[in-house]
Amino acid sequence: KSKCQNLKKKKKKKRTTNLSSQSYVQMYIILRAIADEPDKPPITPHHDVLFRFGSWCYSGSVQLTPELDLGSVPHIIPALRMQQARLDFLCDVNQMPTNSPFTKSMAYLCRIAPLVEIELAKAE
């Protein structure tokens, strides 16, 4: 066997999952800031973030407050928009890496999105 054939066998294929949908989607997924010490609140303002823009996913670290809650939402959205340029292209949504910390959250949101759409339509 040639060296090229051996290299092809050694190369592990990256495992991915298809999280595409029929709808146009924009979403942010923000991970909790990591605490410096266990059982203590985080003090770092840096959060890992995924931004899905249609079928493209971007990720990186942004600066927000160490702890986030629903009351933070009006401040989070403008802060994220201002820092979007800091995010790097991660993947197309139909090839989302299964080992990404964002994959389970995005898969959950994709599963419940049709139910949310129905409830929003009822509320109109």
Foldseek 3Di string as FASTA:
>chain_A
DDPVVVVVVPDDDFAFAALADPDFDWDKDWDADDQPDPPDQRQFQKIWMWIDGGFWIWIDIFGHGNDDDPVCVVVVVVRCVVCVVVTGTDDGNRGHGPPDPCVVVSNVCSVCVVVVVVVVVVVD
